[in-house]
Amino acid sequence: MRRLLSGAALIALLATAAAADLPPERHVTVIAEKFDFTPETVTLKKGEPVVLEIVSIDRVHGFVIPELGVRAEVSPSATTEVHLVPQRVGRFVFRCDKFCGDGHEEMEGAIVVEE
């Protein structure tokens, strides 16, 4: 006797199969500190799932990558996770968008996405 899958079971099966085709997420730590991000440049592969683990060691900072639609607030009491899968090659600037004193305008870095 043949059994048909319910709609929910079929969706779960397809989601599991799709997830199996993706590489595991790569974790990259970015440290935010008054006027600096470390590392300043993060190199990723196009289509590679990544989790940016952003940690502030001094105060609340912002983290924004306008071209990738990313905006997060980074508190010193927690790790902020930003999940992304870059779909295009290029250099994308990230900045702090929370004023943190003189030198704030210099607080930036870049995501470099390669093939």
C-alpha atoms as a PDB file:
ATOM      1  CA  MET A   1       0.000   0.000   0.000  1.00  0.00           C
ATOM      2  CA  ARG A   2       1.310   3.424  -0.956  1.00  0.00           C
ATOM      3  CA  ARG A   3       1.212   6.340   1.502  1.00  0.00           C
ATOM      4  CA  LEU A   4       1.101   9.977   0.543  1.00  0.00           C
ATOM      5  CA  LEU A   5       2.923  12.574   2.603  1.00  0.00           C
ATOM      6  CA  SER A   6       0.911  15.308   4.244  1.00  0.00           C
ATOM      7  CA  GLY A   7       1.629  18.875   3.127  1.00  0.00           C
ATOM      8  CA  ALA A   8       3.550  19.637   6.340  1.00  0.00           C
ATOM      9  CA  ALA A   9       5.628  16.449   6.066  1.00  0.00           C
ATOM     10  CA  LEU A  10       6.451  17.204   2.429  1.00  0.00           C
ATOM     11  CA  ILE A  11       7.533  20.765   3.270  1.00  0.00           C
ATOM     12  CA  ALA A  12       9.736  19.486   6.123  1.00  0.00           C
ATOM     13  CA  LEU A  13      11.298  16.886   3.829  1.00  0.00           C
ATOM     14  CA  LEU A  14      12.026  19.472   1.110  1.00  0.00           C
ATOM     15  CA  ALA A  15      13.477  21.938   3.636  1.00  0.00           C
ATOM     16  CA  THR A  16      15.774  19.252   5.019  1.00  0.00           C
ATOM     17  CA  ALA A  17      16.942  18.331   1.517  1.00  0.00           C
ATOM     18  CA  ALA A  18      17.574  21.980   0.624  1.00  0.00           C
ATOM     19  CA  ALA A  19      19.523  22.558   3.850  1.00  0.00           C
ATOM     20  CA  ALA A  20      21.668  19.518   3.102  1.00  0.00           C
ATOM     21  CA  ASP A  21      22.845  21.214  -0.140  1.00  0.00           C
ATOM     22  CA  LEU A  22      24.090  24.347   1.655  1.00  0.00           C
ATOM     23  CA  PRO A  23      27.543  24.422   3.179  1.00  0.00           C
ATOM     24  CA  PRO A  24      27.604  24.975   6.944  1.00  0.00           C
ATOM     25  CA  GLU A  25      27.619  28.580   8.144  1.00  0.00           C
ATOM     26  CA  ARG A  26      31.072  30.023   8.650  1.00  0.00           C
ATOM     27  CA  HIS A  27      31.457  32.045  11.860  1.00  0.00           C
ATOM     28  CA  VAL A  28      33.532  35.234  11.810  1.00  0.00           C
ATOM     29  CA  THR A  29      34.091  37.345  14.927  1.00  0.00           C
ATOM     30  CA  VAL A  30      34.230  41.125  14.544  1.00  0.00           C
ATOM     31  CA  ILE A  31      35.253  43.232  17.545  1.00  0.00           C
ATOM     32  CA  ALA A  32      33.783  46.743  17.839  1.00  0.00           C
ATOM     33  CA  GLU A  33      35.739  49.185  19.959  1.00  0.00           C
ATOM     34  CA  LYS A  34      35.655  52.969  20.069  1.00  0.00           C
ATOM     35  CA  PHE A  35      36.586  54.059  16.521  1.00  0.00           C
ATOM     36  CA  ASP A  36      37.701  50.607  15.271  1.00  0.00           C
ATOM     37  CA  PHE A  37      36.460  47.288  13.966  1.00  0.00           C
ATOM     38  CA  THR A  38      38.803  44.305  14.129  1.00  0.00           C
ATOM     39  CA  PRO A  39      39.349  42.852  11.634  1.00  0.00           C
ATOM     40  CA  GLU A  40      38.862  45.823   9.317  1.00  0.00           C
ATOM     41  CA  THR A  41      38.373  43.544   6.310  1.00  0.00           C
ATOM     42  CA  VAL A  42      36.395  40.298   6.210  1.00  0.00           C
ATOM     43  CA  THR A  43      36.756  38.217   3.047  1.00  0.00           C
ATOM     44  CA  LEU A  44      33.858  35.936   2.111  1.00  0.00           C
ATOM     45  CA  LYS A  45      32.925  33.710  -0.810  1.00  0.00           C
ATOM     46  CA  LYS A  46      29.872  34.434  -2.926  1.00  0.00           C
ATOM     47  CA  GLY A  47      27.030  32.147  -1.802  1.00  0.00           C
ATOM     48  CA  GLU A  48      28.794  31.124   1.410  1.00  0.00           C
ATOM     49  CA  PRO A  49      26.512  31.261   4.466  1.00  0.00           C
ATOM     50  CA  VAL A  50      28.179  33.280   7.216  1.00  0.00           C
ATOM     51  CA  VAL A  51      27.429  34.434  10.736  1.00  0.00           C
ATOM     52  CA  LEU A  52      29.151  37.645  11.741  1.00  0.00           C
ATOM     53  CA  GLU A  53      29.515  37.482  15.524  1.00  0.00           C
ATOM     54  CA  ILE A  54      29.919  41.126  16.514  1.00  0.00           C
ATOM     55  CA  VAL A  55      31.149  41.930  20.008  1.00  0.00           C
ATOM     56  CA  SER A  56      31.567  45.380  21.559  1.00  0.00           C
ATOM     57  CA  ILE A  57      34.218  45.687  24.223  1.00  0.00           C
ATOM     58  CA  ASP A  58      33.372  49.194  25.392  1.00  0.00           C
ATOM     59  CA  ARG A  59      29.930  50.650  24.575  1.00  0.00           C
ATOM     60  CA  VAL A  60      26.888  50.386  22.320  1.00  0.00           C
ATOM     61  CA  HIS A  61      27.822  50.562  18.640  1.00  0.00           C
ATOM     62  CA  GLY A  62      25.864  50.241  15.446  1.00  0.00           C
ATOM     63  CA  PHE A  63      26.774  47.934  12.580  1.00  0.00           C
ATOM     64  CA  VAL A  64      25.419  48.784   9.151  1.00  0.00           C
ATOM     65  CA  ILE A  65      26.128  47.533   5.621  1.00  0.00           C
ATOM     66  CA  PRO A  66      23.641  49.499   3.487  1.00  0.00           C
ATOM     67  CA  GLU A  67      24.397  47.670   0.222  1.00  0.00           C
ATOM     68  CA  LEU A  68      23.618  44.305   1.837  1.00  0.00           C
ATOM     69  CA  GLY A  69      20.588  45.503   3.815  1.00  0.00           C
ATOM     70  CA  VAL A  70      22.264  44.831   7.171  1.00  0.00           C
ATOM     71  CA  ARG A  71      21.652  46.882  10.349  1.00  0.00           C
ATOM     72  CA  ALA A  72      22.336  45.718  13.899  1.00  0.00           C
ATOM     73  CA  GLU A  73      22.891  47.213  17.312  1.00  0.00           C
ATOM     74  CA  VAL A  74      25.901  45.869  19.185  1.00  0.00           C
ATOM     75  CA  SER A  75      25.826  45.941  22.991  1.00  0.00           C
ATOM     76  CA  PRO A  76      28.792  45.260  25.249  1.00  0.00           C
ATOM     77  CA  SER A  77      26.737  42.722  27.193  1.00  0.00           C
ATOM     78  CA  ALA A  78      26.078  40.300  24.325  1.00  0.00           C
ATOM     79  CA  THR A  79      27.252  38.917  21.004  1.00  0.00           C
ATOM     80  CA  THR A  80      25.201  40.200  18.082  1.00  0.00           C
ATOM     81  CA  GLU A  81      24.791  37.680  15.275  1.00  0.00           C
ATOM     82  CA  VAL A  82      24.288  38.817  11.701  1.00  0.00           C
ATOM     83  CA  HIS A  83      23.438  36.002   9.271  1.00  0.00           C
ATOM     84  CA  LEU A  84      24.047  36.564   5.594  1.00  0.00           C
ATOM     85  CA  VAL A  85      24.706  34.775   2.332  1.00  0.00           C
ATOM     86  CA  PRO A  86      26.396  37.258  -0.018  1.00  0.00           C
ATOM     87  CA  GLN A  87      24.988  36.956  -3.531  1.00  0.00           C
ATOM     88  CA  ARG A  88      27.272  39.347  -5.395  1.00  0.00           C
ATOM     89  CA  VAL A  89      30.982  39.931  -5.675  1.00  0.00           C
ATOM     90  CA  GLY A  90      32.367  43.262  -4.505  1.00  0.00           C
ATOM     91  CA  ARG A  91      33.551  45.396  -1.623  1.00  0.00           C
ATOM     92  CA  PHE A  92      30.866  46.452   0.855  1.00  0.00           C
ATOM     93  CA  VAL A  93      31.693  49.017   3.533  1.00  0.00           C
ATOM     94  CA  PHE A  94      30.391  48.534   7.071  1.00  0.00           C
ATOM     95  CA  ARG A  95      30.226  51.367   9.589  1.00  0.00           C
ATOM     96  CA  CYS A  96      29.202  52.209  13.106  1.00  0.00           C
ATOM     97  CA  ASP A  97      26.020  54.258  12.894  1.00  0.00           C
ATOM     98  CA  LYS A  98      25.808  55.086  16.621  1.00  0.00           C
ATOM     99  CA  PHE A  99      27.811  58.186  17.513  1.00  0.00           C
ATOM    100  CA  CYS A 100      30.617  57.086  19.827  1.00  0.00           C
ATOM    101  CA  GLY A 101      32.714  60.264  20.123  1.00  0.00           C
ATOM    102  CA  ASP A 102      35.349  62.131  18.151  1.00  0.00           C
ATOM    103  CA  GLY A 103      36.708  59.738  15.555  1.00  0.00           C
ATOM    104  CA  HIS A 104      33.330  58.018  15.062  1.00  0.00           C
ATOM    105  CA  GLU A 105      33.283  58.920  11.355  1.00  0.00           C
ATOM    106  CA  GLU A 106      36.473  56.867  10.890  1.00  0.00           C
ATOM    107  CA  MET A 107      34.919  53.686  12.336  1.00  0.00           C
ATOM    108  CA  GLU A 108      34.467  51.468   9.320  1.00  0.00           C
ATOM    109  CA  GLY A 109      35.597  48.284   7.658  1.00  0.00           C
ATOM    110  CA  ALA A 110      34.724  46.206   4.606  1.00  0.00           C
ATOM    111  CA  ILE A 111      33.231  42.915   3.570  1.00  0.00           C
ATOM    112  CA  VAL A 112      35.016  41.683   0.443  1.00  0.00           C
ATOM    113  CA  VAL A 113      33.056  39.050  -1.468  1.00  0.00           C
ATOM    114  CA  GLU A 114      34.975  36.920  -3.965  1.00  0.00           C
ATOM    115  CA  GLU A 115      33.851  34.261  -6.447  1.00  0.00           C
END
